[in-house]
Amino acid sequence: MRLDEVLARFDELADGTDHFEFFWFPHTEWTLTKQNTRVPLDAGLAPLSGLRAWWDDDFLSNTMFGGTVALGRRVPSLVAPINRVSARALGSRTYTDRSDKVFVSRRSVRFTEMEYAVPRATAVELVTGIRRAVERNDWRVAFPVEVRVAAGDDIPLSTASGRDTAYVAVHQALGVPDEPYFRAVEEVASALGGRPHWGKLHYLDADGVRTVYPELDAFLAVRDRLDPEGRFANAYTERVLGVASAAT
């Protein structure tokens, strides 16, 4: 689907199935959409054939994609035309299989990644902001932008705590400078109350994390009581959470 149509129908698409996500290829108007619906156990399986699964999930998504990423890294001017081809390479498919076969994908192409969680109502605004940033800069982004949604929860340090959430992930090929792109995405996401994925790249420190996690201090009180000397700390946790009370 075209990106403009996906954004215009975002709530309809997200609410129309159990699990919805889409992948927008920068420098193009095209997305790949993915809709997964849970079915009863007695519905039976209708998996992809071995040849189709190999062609889509191994050859196109790994071997061929890895080759085009490597080519774009060597010749950046080719990234945009390659993305236009990539966005149309995978055809429509429908199948039924076990959850581990549907949700788990082997990925052999190396990359760096940032993912921000924003209130679901701001998802379109974030994607639009990323699109504008890509258009006004000379970056060459070979990897698609991934967008998915999840229900809110009540876990204090969950990225979906207290709000229905959209997750927007951006990637760059390993070896390609990612900081200018990622910092621009973080700026747009932070203005929308975005929370960074705890295990992916971002630039926030403890003060920045505190602004988007209202219950952070309550968590830190527990942390300081249970691990006052910071034995389970490392450089990353000290950056995003601060140093334990007895370790200062």
C-alpha atoms as a PDB file:
ATOM      1  CA  MET A   1       0.000   0.000   0.000  1.00  0.00           C
ATOM      2  CA  ARG A   2       1.066   3.590  -0.502  1.00  0.00           C
ATOM      3  CA  LEU A   3       2.265   5.320   2.647  1.00  0.00           C
ATOM      4  CA  ASP A   4      -0.334   8.086   2.403  1.00  0.00           C
ATOM      5  CA  GLU A   5      -3.137   5.513   2.345  1.00  0.00           C
ATOM      6  CA  VAL A   6      -1.698   3.598   5.304  1.00  0.00           C
ATOM      7  CA  LEU A   7      -1.415   6.793   7.357  1.00  0.00           C
ATOM      8  CA  ALA A   8      -4.919   7.925   6.400  1.00  0.00           C
ATOM      9  CA  ARG A   9      -6.373   4.536   7.411  1.00  0.00           C
ATOM     10  CA  PHE A  10      -4.004   3.823  10.296  1.00  0.00           C
ATOM     11  CA  ASP A  11      -6.628   3.365  13.028  1.00  0.00           C
ATOM     12  CA  GLU A  12      -8.875   1.324  10.743  1.00  0.00           C
ATOM     13  CA  LEU A  13      -6.009  -0.992   9.810  1.00  0.00           C
ATOM     14  CA  ALA A  14      -4.679  -1.286  13.359  1.00  0.00           C
ATOM     15  CA  ASP A  15      -8.121  -2.072  14.778  1.00  0.00           C
ATOM     16  CA  GLY A  16      -9.109  -4.415  11.966  1.00  0.00           C
ATOM     17  CA  THR A  17      -6.920  -7.334  12.989  1.00  0.00           C
ATOM     18  CA  ASP A  18      -5.204  -8.765  16.058  1.00  0.00           C
ATOM     19  CA  HIS A  19      -1.699  -7.681  15.056  1.00  0.00           C
ATOM     20  CA  PHE A  20      -0.962  -4.993  12.464  1.00  0.00           C
ATOM     21  CA  GLU A  21       2.336  -3.533  11.369  1.00  0.00           C
ATOM     22  CA  PHE A  22       3.767  -1.870   8.311  1.00  0.00           C
ATOM     23  CA  PHE A  23       7.180  -1.209   6.831  1.00  0.00           C
ATOM     24  CA  TRP A  24       7.815   2.033   4.945  1.00  0.00           C
ATOM     25  CA  PHE A  25      10.764   2.167   2.575  1.00  0.00           C
ATOM     26  CA  PRO A  26      12.389   5.626   2.821  1.00  0.00           C
ATOM     27  CA  HIS A  27      12.828   7.538  -0.440  1.00  0.00           C
ATOM     28  CA  THR A  28       9.652   5.863  -1.756  1.00  0.00           C
ATOM     29  CA  GLU A  29       5.875   6.146  -1.354  1.00  0.00           C
ATOM     30  CA  TRP A  30       5.452   2.441  -0.687  1.00  0.00           C
ATOM     31  CA  THR A  31       4.934   0.215   2.340  1.00  0.00           C
ATOM     32  CA  LEU A  32       4.563  -3.458   3.049  1.00  0.00           C
ATOM     33  CA  THR A  33       1.714  -4.235   5.439  1.00  0.00           C
ATOM     34  CA  LYS A  34       1.401  -7.260   7.696  1.00  0.00           C
ATOM     35  CA  GLN A  35      -1.833  -8.376   9.334  1.00  0.00           C
ATOM     36  CA  ASN A  36      -1.920 -11.343  11.706  1.00  0.00           C
ATOM     37  CA  THR A  37      -5.138 -12.802  13.126  1.00  0.00           C
ATOM     38  CA  ARG A  38      -5.357 -15.479  15.807  1.00  0.00           C
ATOM     39  CA  VAL A  39      -7.419 -18.515  14.790  1.00  0.00           C
ATOM     40  CA  PRO A  40      -8.779 -21.492  16.768  1.00  0.00           C
ATOM     41  CA  LEU A  41      -6.524 -24.506  17.143  1.00  0.00           C
ATOM     42  CA  ASP A  42      -8.998 -26.660  15.231  1.00  0.00           C
ATOM     43  CA  ALA A  43      -8.903 -24.335  12.214  1.00  0.00           C
ATOM     44  CA  GLY A  44      -5.972 -26.290  10.836  1.00  0.00           C
ATOM     45  CA  LEU A  45      -2.737 -25.132   9.246  1.00  0.00           C
ATOM     46  CA  ALA A  46      -2.157 -23.834   5.733  1.00  0.00           C
ATOM     47  CA  PRO A  47       1.563 -22.994   5.822  1.00  0.00           C
ATOM     48  CA  LEU A  48       3.590 -21.524   3.020  1.00  0.00           C
ATOM     49  CA  SER A  49       5.112 -24.069   0.707  1.00  0.00           C
ATOM     50  CA  GLY A  50       8.773 -24.778   1.274  1.00  0.00           C
ATOM     51  CA  LEU A  51       9.750 -23.063  -1.988  1.00  0.00           C
ATOM     52  CA  ARG A  52       7.645 -19.933  -1.307  1.00  0.00           C
ATOM     53  CA  ALA A  53       8.906 -19.673   2.268  1.00  0.00           C
ATOM     54  CA  TRP A  54      12.511 -20.003   1.078  1.00  0.00           C
ATOM     55  CA  TRP A  55      12.018 -17.456  -1.718  1.00  0.00           C
ATOM     56  CA  ASP A  56      10.343 -14.785   0.450  1.00  0.00           C
ATOM     57  CA  ASP A  57      11.925 -15.280   3.865  1.00  0.00           C
ATOM     58  CA  ASP A  58      15.399 -16.493   2.994  1.00  0.00           C
ATOM     59  CA  PHE A  59      16.402 -15.470  -0.512  1.00  0.00           C
ATOM     60  CA  LEU A  60      14.577 -12.112  -0.857  1.00  0.00           C
ATOM     61  CA  SER A  61      14.576 -11.011   2.801  1.00  0.00           C
ATOM     62  CA  ASN A  62      18.142 -12.073   3.589  1.00  0.00           C
ATOM     63  CA  THR A  63      20.336 -13.012   0.626  1.00  0.00           C
ATOM     64  CA  MET A  64      18.992 -10.498  -1.876  1.00  0.00           C
ATOM     65  CA  PHE A  65      18.353  -7.764   0.703  1.00  0.00           C
ATOM     66  CA  GLY A  66      21.855  -8.179   2.117  1.00  0.00           C
ATOM     67  CA  GLY A  67      23.289  -7.773  -1.367  1.00  0.00           C
ATOM     68  CA  THR A  68      21.311  -4.615  -2.089  1.00  0.00           C
ATOM     69  CA  VAL A  69      22.254  -3.120   1.296  1.00  0.00           C
ATOM     70  CA  ALA A  70      25.932  -3.798   0.590  1.00  0.00           C
ATOM     71  CA  LEU A  71      25.591  -2.245  -2.865  1.00  0.00           C
ATOM     72  CA  GLY A  72      23.872   0.839  -1.428  1.00  0.00           C
ATOM     73  CA  ARG A  73      26.617   1.209   1.171  1.00  0.00           C
ATOM     74  CA  ARG A  74      29.232   1.308  -1.596  1.00  0.00           C
ATOM     75  CA  VAL A  75      27.144   3.473  -3.974  1.00  0.00           C
ATOM     76  CA  PRO A  76      24.753   5.601  -1.858  1.00  0.00           C
ATOM     77  CA  SER A  77      23.042   7.103  -4.902  1.00  0.00           C
ATOM     78  CA  LEU A  78      21.579   3.664  -5.641  1.00  0.00           C
ATOM     79  CA  VAL A  79      19.701   3.369  -2.318  1.00  0.00           C
ATOM     80  CA  ALA A  80      16.556   5.197  -3.480  1.00  0.00           C
ATOM     81  CA  PRO A  81      16.058   3.184  -6.701  1.00  0.00           C
ATOM     82  CA  ILE A  82      16.896  -0.042  -4.852  1.00  0.00           C
ATOM     83  CA  ASN A  83      14.253   0.784  -2.219  1.00  0.00           C
ATOM     84  CA  ARG A  84      11.658   1.291  -4.935  1.00  0.00           C
ATOM     85  CA  VAL A  85      12.363  -2.196  -6.234  1.00  0.00           C
ATOM     86  CA  SER A  86      12.543  -3.738  -2.751  1.00  0.00           C
ATOM     87  CA  ALA A  87       9.179  -2.287  -1.754  1.00  0.00           C
ATOM     88  CA  ARG A  88       7.516  -4.130  -4.639  1.00  0.00           C
ATOM     89  CA  ALA A  89       9.534  -7.365  -4.555  1.00  0.00           C
ATOM     90  CA  LEU A  90       7.504  -9.292  -1.985  1.00  0.00           C
ATOM     91  CA  GLY A  91       4.106 -10.294  -3.293  1.00  0.00           C
ATOM     92  CA  SER A  92       0.866 -10.678  -1.353  1.00  0.00           C
ATOM     93  CA  ARG A  93       0.551 -13.892   0.626  1.00  0.00           C
ATOM     94  CA  THR A  94      -1.864 -15.454   3.102  1.00  0.00           C
ATOM     95  CA  TYR A  95      -1.118 -18.480   5.240  1.00  0.00           C
ATOM     96  CA  THR A  96      -1.922 -20.084   8.595  1.00  0.00           C
ATOM     97  CA  ASP A  97       0.740 -21.516  10.861  1.00  0.00           C
ATOM     98  CA  ARG A  98       1.929 -21.801  14.459  1.00  0.00           C
ATOM     99  CA  SER A  99       2.785 -18.522  16.185  1.00  0.00           C
ATOM    100  CA  ASP A 100       6.517 -19.301  16.282  1.00  0.00           C
ATOM    101  CA  LYS A 101       6.450 -19.761  12.508  1.00  0.00           C
ATOM    102  CA  VAL A 102       4.526 -16.518  11.960  1.00  0.00           C
ATOM    103  CA  PHE A 103       6.206 -14.110  14.387  1.00  0.00           C
ATOM    104  CA  VAL A 104       9.812 -15.328  14.268  1.00  0.00           C
ATOM    105  CA  SER A 105      11.941 -14.385  11.266  1.00  0.00           C
ATOM    106  CA  ARG A 106      15.579 -15.193  10.646  1.00  0.00           C
ATOM    107  CA  ARG A 107      17.593 -12.065   9.892  1.00  0.00           C
ATOM    108  CA  SER A 108      21.173 -12.360   8.677  1.00  0.00           C
ATOM    109  CA  VAL A 109      21.703  -8.741   7.529  1.00  0.00           C
ATOM    110  CA  ARG A 110      23.469  -6.757  10.272  1.00  0.00           C
ATOM    111  CA  PHE A 111      22.162  -3.320  11.276  1.00  0.00           C
ATOM    112  CA  THR A 112      21.917  -0.737  14.048  1.00  0.00           C
ATOM    113  CA  GLU A 113      18.472   0.176  15.376  1.00  0.00           C
ATOM    114  CA  MET A 114      16.553   2.764  17.368  1.00  0.00           C
ATOM    115  CA  GLU A 115      12.938   2.231  18.421  1.00  0.00           C
ATOM    116  CA  TYR A 116      10.668   4.752  20.130  1.00  0.00           C
ATOM    117  CA  ALA A 117       7.320   4.117  21.778  1.00  0.00           C
ATOM    118  CA  VAL A 118       4.864   6.999  21.460  1.00  0.00           C
ATOM    119  CA  PRO A 119       1.178   7.390  22.329  1.00  0.00           C
ATOM    120  CA  ARG A 120      -0.699   5.556  19.608  1.00  0.00           C
ATOM    121  CA  ALA A 121      -2.624   8.711  18.699  1.00  0.00           C
ATOM    122  CA  THR A 122       0.672  10.341  17.642  1.00  0.00           C
ATOM    123  CA  ALA A 123       1.928   7.505  15.403  1.00  0.00           C
ATOM    124  CA  VAL A 124       1.022   9.228  12.146  1.00  0.00           C
ATOM    125  CA  GLU A 125       2.657  12.451  13.330  1.00  0.00           C
ATOM    126  CA  LEU A 126       5.890  10.629  14.153  1.00  0.00           C
ATOM    127  CA  VAL A 127       6.062   8.797  10.818  1.00  0.00           C
ATOM    128  CA  THR A 128       5.289  12.042   8.994  1.00  0.00           C
ATOM    129  CA  GLY A 129       8.082  13.775  10.918  1.00  0.00           C
ATOM    130  CA  ILE A 130      10.558  11.028   9.995  1.00  0.00           C
ATOM    131  CA  ARG A 131       9.480  11.267   6.376  1.00  0.00           C
ATOM    132  CA  ARG A 132      10.110  15.018   6.351  1.00  0.00           C
ATOM    133  CA  ALA A 133      13.507  14.592   7.990  1.00  0.00           C
ATOM    134  CA  VAL A 134      14.552  12.045   5.361  1.00  0.00           C
ATOM    135  CA  GLU A 135      13.329  14.297   2.543  1.00  0.00           C
ATOM    136  CA  ARG A 136      15.271  17.366   3.710  1.00  0.00           C
ATOM    137  CA  ASN A 137      18.575  15.582   4.379  1.00  0.00           C
ATOM    138  CA  ASP A 138      21.023  13.694   2.197  1.00  0.00           C
ATOM    139  CA  TRP A 139      20.882  10.457   4.178  1.00  0.00           C
ATOM    140  CA  ARG A 140      20.509   7.218   2.279  1.00  0.00           C
ATOM    141  CA  VAL A 141      18.381   4.844   4.348  1.00  0.00           C
ATOM    142  CA  ALA A 142      18.270   1.322   2.944  1.00  0.00           C
ATOM    143  CA  PHE A 143      16.221  -0.224   5.764  1.00  0.00           C
ATOM    144  CA  PRO A 144      12.462   0.219   6.053  1.00  0.00           C
ATOM    145  CA  VAL A 145      10.872   2.073   8.976  1.00  0.00           C
ATOM    146  CA  GLU A 146       8.842  -0.404  11.030  1.00  0.00           C
ATOM    147  CA  VAL A 147       5.584   0.639  12.741  1.00  0.00           C
ATOM    148  CA  ARG A 148       3.469  -1.526  15.055  1.00  0.00           C
ATOM    149  CA  VAL A 149       0.958  -1.031  17.862  1.00  0.00           C
ATOM    150  CA  ALA A 150       0.293  -2.506  21.304  1.00  0.00           C
ATOM    151  CA  ALA A 151      -2.177  -2.019  24.123  1.00  0.00           C
ATOM    152  CA  GLY A 152      -1.224  -0.046  27.202  1.00  0.00           C
ATOM    153  CA  ASP A 153      -0.227  -1.797  30.421  1.00  0.00           C
ATOM    154  CA  ASP A 154       0.397  -0.948  34.081  1.00  0.00           C
ATOM    155  CA  ILE A 155       4.094  -1.910  34.358  1.00  0.00           C
ATOM    156  CA  PRO A 156       6.004   1.143  35.664  1.00  0.00           C
ATOM    157  CA  LEU A 157       8.999   0.956  33.315  1.00  0.00           C
ATOM    158  CA  SER A 158       7.213  -0.601  30.345  1.00  0.00           C
ATOM    159  CA  THR A 159       7.375   1.491  27.204  1.00  0.00           C
ATOM    160  CA  ALA A 160       3.578   1.046  26.970  1.00  0.00           C
ATOM    161  CA  SER A 161       2.910   1.955  30.616  1.00  0.00           C
ATOM    162  CA  GLY A 162      -0.364   3.816  30.987  1.00  0.00           C
ATOM    163  CA  ARG A 163      -1.118   4.306  27.307  1.00  0.00           C
ATOM    164  CA  ASP A 164      -1.937   2.528  24.076  1.00  0.00           C
ATOM    165  CA  THR A 165       1.302   2.665  22.158  1.00  0.00           C
ATOM    166  CA  ALA A 166       2.791   2.780  18.688  1.00  0.00           C
ATOM    167  CA  TYR A 167       6.329   1.545  18.215  1.00  0.00           C
ATOM    168  CA  VAL A 168       8.377   3.078  15.425  1.00  0.00           C
ATOM    169  CA  ALA A 169      11.771   1.533  14.666  1.00  0.00           C
ATOM    170  CA  VAL A 170      14.461   2.926  12.383  1.00  0.00           C
ATOM    171  CA  HIS A 171      17.569   1.130  11.193  1.00  0.00           C
ATOM    172  CA  GLN A 172      20.813   1.719   9.366  1.00  0.00           C
ATOM    173  CA  ALA A 173      23.136  -0.771   7.751  1.00  0.00           C
ATOM    174  CA  LEU A 174      26.099  -1.711   9.900  1.00  0.00           C
ATOM    175  CA  GLY A 175      28.989   0.562   8.962  1.00  0.00           C
ATOM    176  CA  VAL A 176      26.762   3.399   7.704  1.00  0.00           C
ATOM    177  CA  PRO A 177      26.723   6.505   9.971  1.00  0.00           C
ATOM    178  CA  ASP A 178      23.486   6.356  11.944  1.00  0.00           C
ATOM    179  CA  GLU A 179      23.708   9.173  14.497  1.00  0.00           C
ATOM    180  CA  PRO A 180      22.402  12.091  12.360  1.00  0.00           C
ATOM    181  CA  TYR A 181      19.374  10.044  11.299  1.00  0.00           C
ATOM    182  CA  PHE A 182      18.731   8.584  14.735  1.00  0.00           C
ATOM    183  CA  ARG A 183      19.096  11.919  16.533  1.00  0.00           C
ATOM    184  CA  ALA A 184      16.584  13.513  14.165  1.00  0.00           C
ATOM    185  CA  VAL A 185      14.119  10.677  14.825  1.00  0.00           C
ATOM    186  CA  GLU A 186      14.674  10.994  18.570  1.00  0.00           C
ATOM    187  CA  GLU A 187      13.977  14.741  18.417  1.00  0.00           C
ATOM    188  CA  VAL A 188      10.616  14.165  16.734  1.00  0.00           C
ATOM    189  CA  ALA A 189       9.723  11.263  19.038  1.00  0.00           C
ATOM    190  CA  SER A 190      10.732  13.117  22.212  1.00  0.00           C
ATOM    191  CA  ALA A 191       8.460  16.017  21.316  1.00  0.00           C
ATOM    192  CA  LEU A 192       5.587  13.494  21.305  1.00  0.00           C
ATOM    193  CA  GLY A 193       6.441  12.024  24.695  1.00  0.00           C
ATOM    194  CA  GLY A 194       8.367   9.129  23.188  1.00  0.00           C
ATOM    195  CA  ARG A 195      10.036   6.460  25.296  1.00  0.00           C
ATOM    196  CA  PRO A 196      13.141   4.731  23.908  1.00  0.00           C
ATOM    197  CA  HIS A 197      13.401   0.974  23.748  1.00  0.00           C
ATOM    198  CA  TRP A 198      15.561  -0.047  26.712  1.00  0.00           C
ATOM    199  CA  GLY A 199      17.741  -2.360  24.646  1.00  0.00           C
ATOM    200  CA  LYS A 200      18.281  -0.320  21.485  1.00  0.00           C
ATOM    201  CA  LEU A 201      20.216   2.808  20.601  1.00  0.00           C
ATOM    202  CA  HIS A 202      19.145   6.179  21.992  1.00  0.00           C
ATOM    203  CA  TYR A 203      20.770   9.270  23.494  1.00  0.00           C
ATOM    204  CA  LEU A 204      18.769   9.950  26.665  1.00  0.00           C
ATOM    205  CA  ASP A 205      20.328  10.137  30.102  1.00  0.00           C
ATOM    206  CA  ALA A 206      18.610   9.694  33.474  1.00  0.00           C
ATOM    207  CA  ASP A 207      17.139  13.208  33.403  1.00  0.00           C
ATOM    208  CA  GLY A 208      15.631  12.584  29.978  1.00  0.00           C
ATOM    209  CA  VAL A 209      14.263   9.186  30.988  1.00  0.00           C
ATOM    210  CA  ARG A 210      12.633  10.706  34.081  1.00  0.00           C
ATOM    211  CA  THR A 211      10.562  13.090  31.940  1.00  0.00           C
ATOM    212  CA  VAL A 212       8.746  10.189  30.222  1.00  0.00           C
ATOM    213  CA  TYR A 213       8.556   7.695  33.098  1.00  0.00           C
ATOM    214  CA  PRO A 214       6.498   9.224  35.939  1.00  0.00           C
ATOM    215  CA  GLU A 215       7.222   6.271  38.231  1.00  0.00           C
ATOM    216  CA  LEU A 216      10.973   6.190  37.685  1.00  0.00           C
ATOM    217  CA  ASP A 217      11.806   7.512  41.156  1.00  0.00           C
ATOM    218  CA  ALA A 218       9.666   4.810  42.773  1.00  0.00           C
ATOM    219  CA  PHE A 219      11.571   2.204  40.783  1.00  0.00           C
ATOM    220  CA  LEU A 220      14.914   3.745  41.749  1.00  0.00           C
ATOM    221  CA  ALA A 221      13.953   3.596  45.413  1.00  0.00           C
ATOM    222  CA  VAL A 222      13.484  -0.155  45.063  1.00  0.00           C
ATOM    223  CA  ARG A 223      16.728  -0.453  43.089  1.00  0.00           C
ATOM    224  CA  ASP A 224      18.690   1.470  45.724  1.00  0.00           C
ATOM    225  CA  ARG A 225      17.218  -0.657  48.516  1.00  0.00           C
ATOM    226  CA  LEU A 226      17.933  -3.996  46.841  1.00  0.00           C
ATOM    227  CA  ASP A 227      21.244  -3.133  45.182  1.00  0.00           C
ATOM    228  CA  PRO A 228      22.646  -0.148  47.103  1.00  0.00           C
ATOM    229  CA  GLU A 229      26.231  -0.714  45.939  1.00  0.00           C
ATOM    230  CA  GLY A 230      25.301  -1.023  42.279  1.00  0.00           C
ATOM    231  CA  ARG A 231      26.619  -4.567  41.880  1.00  0.00           C
ATOM    232  CA  PHE A 232      24.172  -5.179  39.036  1.00  0.00           C
ATOM    233  CA  ALA A 233      24.890  -1.854  37.356  1.00  0.00           C
ATOM    234  CA  ASN A 234      26.878  -1.130  34.244  1.00  0.00           C
ATOM    235  CA  ALA A 235      27.748   1.955  32.219  1.00  0.00           C
ATOM    236  CA  TYR A 236      24.430   1.892  30.355  1.00  0.00           C
ATOM    237  CA  THR A 237      22.197   1.505  33.413  1.00  0.00           C
ATOM    238  CA  GLU A 238      24.103   4.264  35.195  1.00  0.00           C
ATOM    239  CA  ARG A 239      23.537   6.541  32.214  1.00  0.00           C
ATOM    240  CA  VAL A 240      19.785   5.939  31.935  1.00  0.00           C
ATOM    241  CA  LEU A 241      18.952   5.363  35.622  1.00  0.00           C
ATOM    242  CA  GLY A 242      21.680   7.180  37.508  1.00  0.00           C
ATOM    243  CA  VAL A 243      24.149   5.763  40.013  1.00  0.00           C
ATOM    244  CA  ALA A 244      22.843   3.749  42.979  1.00  0.00           C
ATOM    245  CA  SER A 245      22.738   5.750  46.228  1.00  0.00           C
ATOM    246  CA  ALA A 246      25.504   3.915  48.090  1.00  0.00           C
ATOM    247  CA  ALA A 247      27.727   3.718  45.015  1.00  0.00           C
ATOM    248  CA  THR A 248      28.145   7.483  44.607  1.00  0.00           C
END
